[in-house]
Amino acid sequence: MFERRHFLARAGQLAVAGGFFGPAAAAMPSRATISVPGPGNLLYLPIPLASKIGADLAEGLELDIRYTGGGPQAIRSMLERNSDFAAAGLSALALQKLNGKPVVCIAPMTRVPAYTLLVRANLRGKVKTMADLKGRVVGVKGHVPGGRSTSQLFAEYLLTQAGLKPDQVNYVSAGQSYDSQHAALSSGSVDAIVGDEPFVTRLVRQKTAYVLADYHDLDTTRKQMGGLFLNGMVATREDMIASRPELVEKMVRTLKRTLVWVATHKAEDMVEALSPGEPEERKTLLDVLRLRKNIYSPDGRISDEQLATVDRFLRATEPEILAKGLSVRSLVDARWAGSAP
């Protein structure tokens, strides 16, 4: 790890001399810790990718990635000052803000929910629609006091759209890894799960589960939710923005550089950079990225369309949002990421 980072640091210095990057790459990098759900989750893939391709070093930053069991845990780690930044769902961040936490979204990663609702295979004849989940157990990401995960909010949203009340199903934590999600389904401890790629594709191929609803496609998201949807994003604390704005700027610039790299490279390049260990994991990730690469923001700007969709989503799933008049826009500081229509 040290040798790789040393090589990349030297490469960054040489690149500056050759005029490829800005002067930030020549300076000693600042260290920043970020809590990220995972590992292996497609939703947050730009974070480890940034480190692998040296995008952080190119912006004068060295990322220290710390994996957690879900977005709420990542946010909690940041609030407890165990990390400088957190990757999570914007909706989960909104719930923390609703509870008085000093959280701010500084950059987007995705433009769709990037979730798939899976049902365990032996229920194929019994669960054909969302309404058929009434009284059943749905697996979601980790839960912490004061904040449901975005995956749970998304399950509640789909159930509400189907005419059910969110409390007409039972929610349990199904973990953040392929192994934990596979175990939850195959053991029968959950009837359905709000799943992540590339785990979803493996579970379906192994006939452990089947797809009931999928929200990776841009057109489907616009049709079903009224617009593109900001889910995966990077957040920090208000005091970080006040006391270390230069570090926040480096984090945002790193993410934007990575997203532009993703938009201009093939799925094969991404897999090569990430270097998954197991052959099956590598093949699945490649297959998924060939289909799903456009889930990511192409430029790292914060979209008004996406924020408006999240606003509607939260008003449909969390009554307190409406009661307290909380606007999603109040969570966002776009001074470094920039805004998009």
Protein backbone atom coordinates (compact mmCIF):
# COMPACT_ATOMS: atom_id res chain seq x y z
CA MET A 1 0.00 0.00 0.00
CA PHE A 2 2.79 2.40 0.97
CA GLU A 3 4.78 1.59 -2.16
CA ARG A 4 1.74 2.18 -4.38
CA ARG A 5 0.92 5.51 -2.77
CA HIS A 6 4.58 6.54 -2.90
CA PHE A 7 4.66 5.71 -6.61
CA LEU A 8 1.49 7.69 -7.25
CA ALA A 9 2.78 10.66 -5.28
CA ARG A 10 5.94 10.64 -7.39
CA ALA A 11 3.87 10.23 -10.54
CA GLY A 12 1.80 13.23 -9.50
CA GLN A 13 4.91 15.33 -9.07
CA LEU A 14 6.15 14.30 -12.50
CA ALA A 15 2.75 15.04 -13.99
CA VAL A 16 2.86 18.54 -12.58
CA ALA A 17 6.26 19.05 -14.15
CA GLY A 18 4.76 17.89 -17.43
CA GLY A 19 1.74 20.16 -17.03
CA PHE A 20 -0.89 17.42 -16.66
CA PHE A 21 -2.29 18.45 -13.28
CA GLY A 22 -2.58 21.65 -11.29
CA PRO A 23 0.00 22.75 -8.70
CA ALA A 24 -1.92 21.02 -5.88
CA ALA A 25 -0.38 17.69 -6.88
CA ALA A 26 3.18 18.90 -6.19
CA ALA A 27 2.54 19.75 -2.54
CA MET A 28 2.63 17.31 0.36
CA PRO A 29 -0.90 15.83 0.40
CA SER A 30 -3.32 16.59 3.21
CA ARG A 31 -4.74 13.51 4.92
CA ALA A 32 -8.51 13.10 5.13
CA THR A 33 -10.53 10.27 6.61
CA ILE A 34 -13.86 9.25 5.10
CA SER A 35 -16.39 6.73 6.40
CA VAL A 36 -17.92 4.70 3.58
CA PRO A 37 -20.57 1.94 3.54
CA GLY A 38 -19.05 -1.25 2.19
CA PRO A 39 -16.76 -2.41 0.87
CA GLY A 40 -17.77 -3.36 -2.65
CA ASN A 41 -20.95 -1.28 -2.93
CA LEU A 42 -21.51 0.17 -6.43
CA LEU A 43 -23.27 3.20 -4.97
CA TYR A 44 -20.05 4.39 -3.29
CA LEU A 45 -17.50 2.97 -5.73
CA PRO A 46 -16.08 6.42 -6.70
CA ILE A 47 -14.48 6.73 -3.25
CA PRO A 48 -12.12 3.72 -3.44
CA LEU A 49 -11.65 4.42 -7.14
CA ALA A 50 -10.38 7.92 -6.34
CA SER A 51 -7.61 6.38 -4.30
CA LYS A 52 -6.82 3.68 -6.86
CA ILE A 53 -6.39 6.10 -9.78
CA GLY A 54 -4.56 8.72 -7.72
CA ALA A 55 -7.26 11.37 -8.10
CA ASP A 56 -6.85 12.30 -4.44
CA LEU A 57 -3.10 12.79 -4.72
CA ALA A 58 -3.59 14.82 -7.89
CA GLU A 59 -5.64 17.25 -5.78
CA GLY A 60 -3.20 17.32 -2.87
CA LEU A 61 -5.19 14.89 -0.74
CA GLU A 62 -4.55 11.42 0.66
CA LEU A 63 -7.74 9.52 1.46
CA ASP A 64 -8.00 7.19 4.42
CA ILE A 65 -11.10 5.07 3.73
CA ARG A 66 -12.90 3.45 6.67
CA TYR A 67 -15.74 1.09 5.85
CA THR A 68 -18.93 0.91 7.90
CA GLY A 69 -22.12 -1.14 7.94
CA GLY A 70 -24.29 1.52 6.29
CA GLY A 71 -24.89 5.20 5.63
CA PRO A 72 -26.25 6.05 9.11
CA GLN A 73 -23.15 4.47 10.68
CA ALA A 74 -20.90 6.44 8.32
CA ILE A 75 -22.64 9.68 9.29
CA ARG A 76 -22.44 8.83 12.98
CA SER A 77 -18.70 8.14 12.67
CA MET A 78 -18.25 11.56 11.09
CA LEU A 79 -20.34 13.29 13.77
CA GLU A 80 -18.33 11.55 16.48
CA ARG A 81 -15.19 12.95 14.80
CA ASN A 82 -13.80 9.55 13.90
CA SER A 83 -13.72 10.74 10.29
CA ASP A 84 -13.72 14.05 8.44
CA PHE A 85 -16.25 13.06 5.78
CA ALA A 86 -18.98 10.47 5.25
CA ALA A 87 -20.44 8.83 2.17
CA ALA A 88 -24.13 8.07 2.56
CA GLY A 89 -27.58 8.62 1.10
CA LEU A 90 -28.81 12.22 1.00
CA SER A 91 -32.17 11.16 2.47
CA ALA A 92 -30.45 9.58 5.49
CA LEU A 93 -28.48 12.81 5.91
CA ALA A 94 -31.73 14.77 5.89
CA LEU A 95 -33.04 12.73 8.83
CA GLN A 96 -29.89 13.57 10.78
CA LYS A 97 -30.42 17.27 10.00
CA LEU A 98 -34.03 16.91 11.13
CA ASN A 99 -32.67 15.73 14.48
CA GLY A 100 -30.47 18.78 14.84
CA LYS A 101 -27.17 17.34 13.62
CA PRO A 102 -24.73 19.78 11.94
CA VAL A 103 -24.43 17.92 8.63
CA VAL A 104 -23.86 19.30 5.13
CA CYS A 105 -23.86 17.62 1.71
CA ILE A 106 -20.88 18.87 -0.31
CA ALA A 107 -20.84 16.68 -3.45
CA PRO A 108 -22.97 14.11 -5.31
CA MET A 109 -21.94 10.73 -6.65
CA THR A 110 -25.05 9.20 -8.19
CA ARG A 111 -28.16 10.42 -10.01
CA VAL A 112 -30.54 7.48 -9.37
CA PRO A 113 -31.41 5.49 -6.22
CA ALA A 114 -29.27 2.54 -7.46
CA TYR A 115 -31.31 0.05 -5.41
CA THR A 116 -32.99 -3.20 -6.39
CA LEU A 117 -35.76 -4.78 -4.36
CA LEU A 118 -35.09 -8.52 -4.29
CA VAL A 119 -37.37 -11.29 -3.04
CA ARG A 120 -36.07 -14.69 -1.92
CA ALA A 121 -36.45 -17.30 -4.60
CA ASN A 122 -38.91 -19.65 -2.89
CA LEU A 123 -41.52 -16.85 -2.69
CA ARG A 124 -41.76 -16.41 -6.46
CA GLY A 125 -45.34 -17.66 -6.64
CA LYS A 126 -46.45 -15.75 -3.54
CA VAL A 127 -44.84 -12.32 -3.87
CA LYS A 128 -45.59 -10.82 -7.26
CA THR A 129 -46.20 -7.17 -6.35
CA MET A 130 -45.15 -4.75 -3.62
CA ALA A 131 -48.52 -5.22 -1.94
CA ASP A 132 -47.72 -8.92 -1.46
CA LEU A 133 -44.99 -7.93 1.03
CA LYS A 134 -47.62 -7.01 3.63
CA GLY A 135 -46.73 -8.67 6.95
CA ARG A 136 -43.33 -9.84 5.69
CA VAL A 137 -39.74 -9.03 6.66
CA VAL A 138 -37.68 -6.62 4.55
CA GLY A 139 -33.92 -6.36 4.93
CA VAL A 140 -32.41 -2.87 4.84
CA LYS A 141 -29.06 -1.26 5.71
CA GLY A 142 -27.89 -0.54 9.22
CA HIS A 143 -29.98 1.60 11.53
CA VAL A 144 -28.77 4.02 14.21
CA PRO A 145 -30.76 6.09 16.74
CA GLY A 146 -32.21 9.19 15.12
CA GLY A 147 -31.83 7.99 11.55
CA ARG A 148 -33.25 5.38 9.22
CA SER A 149 -31.11 4.35 6.27
CA THR A 150 -31.98 5.56 2.77
CA SER A 151 -32.62 1.94 1.83
CA GLN A 152 -35.34 1.72 4.49
CA LEU A 153 -36.84 5.02 3.37
CA PHE A 154 -36.83 3.70 -0.18
CA ALA A 155 -38.64 0.51 0.87
CA GLU A 156 -41.19 2.64 2.72
CA TYR A 157 -41.65 4.81 -0.37
CA LEU A 158 -42.30 1.83 -2.65
CA LEU A 159 -44.74 0.32 -0.16
CA THR A 160 -46.61 3.61 0.16
CA GLN A 161 -46.85 3.82 -3.63
CA ALA A 162 -48.39 0.33 -3.55
CA GLY A 163 -51.04 1.39 -1.04
CA LEU A 164 -49.47 -0.07 2.10
CA LYS A 165 -48.42 1.70 5.25
CA PRO A 166 -44.68 1.51 6.01
CA ASP A 167 -45.36 -0.25 9.32
CA GLN A 168 -47.19 -3.09 7.58
CA VAL A 169 -43.85 -4.80 7.04
CA ASN A 170 -41.04 -5.53 9.49
CA TYR A 171 -37.56 -4.09 8.87
CA VAL A 172 -34.33 -5.75 9.93
CA SER A 173 -30.71 -4.98 9.20
CA ALA A 174 -29.38 -7.18 6.38
CA GLY A 175 -25.85 -5.79 6.38
CA GLN A 176 -23.73 -4.05 3.80
CA SER A 177 -21.86 -6.95 2.19
CA TYR A 178 -22.66 -9.67 -0.32
CA ASP A 179 -22.12 -12.37 2.33
CA SER A 180 -24.53 -10.79 4.81
CA GLN A 181 -27.22 -10.14 2.20
CA HIS A 182 -26.85 -13.65 0.78
CA ALA A 183 -27.10 -15.16 4.26
CA ALA A 184 -30.20 -13.13 5.10
CA LEU A 185 -32.02 -14.33 1.97
CA SER A 186 -30.86 -17.93 1.85
CA SER A 187 -31.60 -18.52 5.55
CA GLY A 188 -35.12 -17.11 5.22
CA SER A 189 -34.50 -14.49 7.91
CA VAL A 190 -35.77 -11.91 5.40
CA ASP A 191 -38.41 -12.25 2.72
CA ALA A 192 -37.09 -9.37 0.65
CA ILE A 193 -34.13 -7.04 0.66
CA VAL A 194 -33.25 -3.60 -0.68
CA GLY A 195 -30.12 -4.79 -2.43
CA ASP A 196 -26.99 -3.27 -3.90
CA GLU A 197 -25.03 -3.98 -7.02
CA PRO A 198 -22.88 -5.87 -7.77
CA PHE A 199 -24.34 -8.13 -5.07
CA VAL A 200 -27.79 -8.13 -6.68
CA THR A 201 -26.51 -9.62 -9.93
CA ARG A 202 -24.70 -12.42 -8.08
CA LEU A 203 -27.77 -13.24 -5.97
CA VAL A 204 -30.02 -13.42 -9.03
CA ARG A 205 -27.55 -15.53 -11.00
CA GLN A 206 -27.28 -17.95 -8.11
CA LYS A 207 -31.10 -18.15 -7.99
CA THR A 208 -31.08 -16.98 -4.38
CA ALA A 209 -33.53 -14.19 -5.21
CA TYR A 210 -35.48 -12.52 -8.01
CA VAL A 211 -36.07 -8.87 -8.89
CA LEU A 212 -39.33 -7.18 -7.89
CA ALA A 213 -38.33 -3.55 -8.60
CA ASP A 214 -35.16 -1.94 -9.93
CA TYR A 215 -34.08 1.70 -9.83
CA HIS A 216 -30.77 1.92 -11.69
CA ASP A 217 -32.12 3.12 -15.02
CA LEU A 218 -32.34 6.90 -15.57
CA ASP A 219 -35.58 6.76 -17.61
CA THR A 220 -37.27 4.47 -15.07
CA THR A 221 -36.31 6.76 -12.22
CA ARG A 222 -37.66 9.81 -14.00
CA LYS A 223 -40.88 8.00 -14.85
CA GLN A 224 -41.49 6.48 -11.41
CA MET A 225 -40.14 9.30 -9.21
CA GLY A 226 -40.69 12.38 -11.37
CA GLY A 227 -37.00 13.15 -11.87
CA LEU A 228 -33.47 11.98 -11.27
CA PHE A 229 -32.63 11.31 -7.62
CA LEU A 230 -29.55 12.19 -5.59
CA ASN A 231 -28.71 9.22 -3.40
CA GLY A 232 -24.99 8.57 -2.95
CA MET A 233 -23.16 11.72 -1.83
CA VAL A 234 -20.35 12.97 0.39
CA ALA A 235 -21.08 14.99 3.52
CA THR A 236 -19.15 16.72 6.27
CA ARG A 237 -19.81 18.68 9.45
CA GLU A 238 -20.56 22.39 9.59
CA ASP A 239 -17.45 22.99 11.69
CA MET A 240 -15.25 21.35 9.03
CA ILE A 241 -16.50 23.81 6.44
CA ALA A 242 -15.91 26.71 8.84
CA SER A 243 -12.45 25.67 10.06
CA ARG A 244 -10.95 23.70 7.16
CA PRO A 245 -12.55 24.86 3.92
CA GLU A 246 -9.37 24.02 1.98
CA LEU A 247 -9.68 20.35 2.98
CA VAL A 248 -13.36 20.30 1.98
CA GLU A 249 -12.44 21.82 -1.37
CA LYS A 250 -9.79 19.16 -1.96
CA MET A 251 -12.31 16.43 -1.16
CA VAL A 252 -14.84 17.84 -3.60
CA ARG A 253 -12.24 18.34 -6.33
CA THR A 254 -11.03 14.76 -5.83
CA LEU A 255 -14.54 13.41 -6.26
CA LYS A 256 -15.24 15.58 -9.30
CA ARG A 257 -11.98 14.46 -10.92
CA THR A 258 -12.93 10.82 -10.26
CA LEU A 259 -16.43 11.20 -11.71
CA VAL A 260 -15.05 12.81 -14.87
CA TRP A 261 -12.60 9.90 -15.12
CA VAL A 262 -15.49 7.43 -14.83
CA ALA A 263 -17.46 9.26 -17.53
CA THR A 264 -14.51 9.12 -19.93
CA HIS A 265 -13.33 5.56 -19.30
CA LYS A 266 -14.74 2.12 -20.01
CA ALA A 267 -16.04 -0.38 -17.50
CA GLU A 268 -12.94 -2.48 -18.17
CA ASP A 269 -10.72 0.41 -17.08
CA MET A 270 -12.65 0.78 -13.84
CA VAL A 271 -12.39 -2.91 -12.99
CA GLU A 272 -8.70 -2.93 -13.82
CA ALA A 273 -8.13 0.02 -11.48
CA LEU A 274 -10.19 -1.49 -8.65
CA SER A 275 -8.62 -4.97 -9.06
CA PRO A 276 -11.23 -7.16 -7.30
CA GLY A 277 -9.64 -10.26 -5.82
CA GLU A 278 -11.93 -13.14 -6.76
CA PRO A 279 -12.61 -14.06 -10.42
CA GLU A 280 -16.40 -14.21 -9.86
CA GLU A 281 -16.37 -10.85 -8.13
CA ARG A 282 -14.32 -9.36 -10.94
CA LYS A 283 -16.58 -10.75 -13.69
CA THR A 284 -19.75 -9.63 -11.94
CA LEU A 285 -18.45 -6.12 -11.36
CA LEU A 286 -17.48 -5.85 -15.03
CA ASP A 287 -20.90 -7.05 -16.20
CA VAL A 288 -22.66 -4.65 -13.85
CA LEU A 289 -20.56 -1.64 -14.81
CA ARG A 290 -21.12 -2.28 -18.50
CA LEU A 291 -24.84 -1.85 -17.82
CA ARG A 292 -24.87 0.56 -14.88
CA LYS A 293 -21.97 2.99 -15.31
CA ASN A 294 -24.33 5.87 -16.05
CA ILE A 295 -25.70 5.82 -12.49
CA TYR A 296 -22.87 8.21 -11.62
CA SER A 297 -22.91 11.96 -11.98
CA PRO A 298 -20.84 12.79 -15.08
CA ASP A 299 -19.36 15.97 -13.62
CA GLY A 300 -19.95 16.06 -9.86
CA ARG A 301 -22.29 19.06 -9.94
CA ILE A 302 -25.32 19.20 -7.66
CA SER A 303 -28.51 18.98 -9.73
CA ASP A 304 -31.63 21.00 -8.97
CA GLU A 305 -33.71 18.24 -10.57
CA GLN A 306 -32.31 15.65 -8.20
CA LEU A 307 -32.79 17.81 -5.10
CA ALA A 308 -36.42 18.43 -6.05
CA THR A 309 -37.02 14.69 -6.39
CA VAL A 310 -35.44 14.00 -2.99
CA ASP A 311 -37.66 16.71 -1.49
CA ARG A 312 -40.79 14.99 -2.82
CA PHE A 313 -39.48 11.58 -1.73
CA LEU A 314 -38.85 12.72 1.84
CA ARG A 315 -42.21 14.46 2.14
CA ALA A 316 -43.80 11.15 1.16
CA THR A 317 -41.83 9.09 3.70
CA GLU A 318 -41.13 11.34 6.69
CA PRO A 319 -44.01 13.53 8.01
CA GLU A 320 -41.64 15.53 10.22
CA ILE A 321 -39.89 16.89 7.14
CA LEU A 322 -43.08 18.62 6.10
CA ALA A 323 -44.08 19.57 9.64
CA LYS A 324 -40.78 21.29 10.35
CA GLY A 325 -40.47 22.77 6.87
CA LEU A 326 -37.03 21.29 6.22
CA SER A 327 -35.84 21.78 2.65
CA VAL A 328 -33.28 19.45 1.12
CA ARG A 329 -31.57 22.49 -0.36
CA SER A 330 -30.75 23.69 3.15
CA LEU A 331 -28.55 20.60 3.54
CA VAL A 332 -26.39 21.42 0.54
CA ASP A 333 -23.33 23.61 0.14
CA ALA A 334 -22.56 23.69 -3.59
CA ARG A 335 -19.81 26.31 -3.56
CA TRP A 336 -17.16 23.77 -4.64
CA ALA A 337 -19.20 21.19 -6.54
CA GLY A 338 -21.21 23.74 -8.50
CA SER A 339 -24.88 23.54 -9.45
CA ALA A 340 -26.61 22.04 -12.47
CA PRO A 341 -30.17 22.55 -13.75
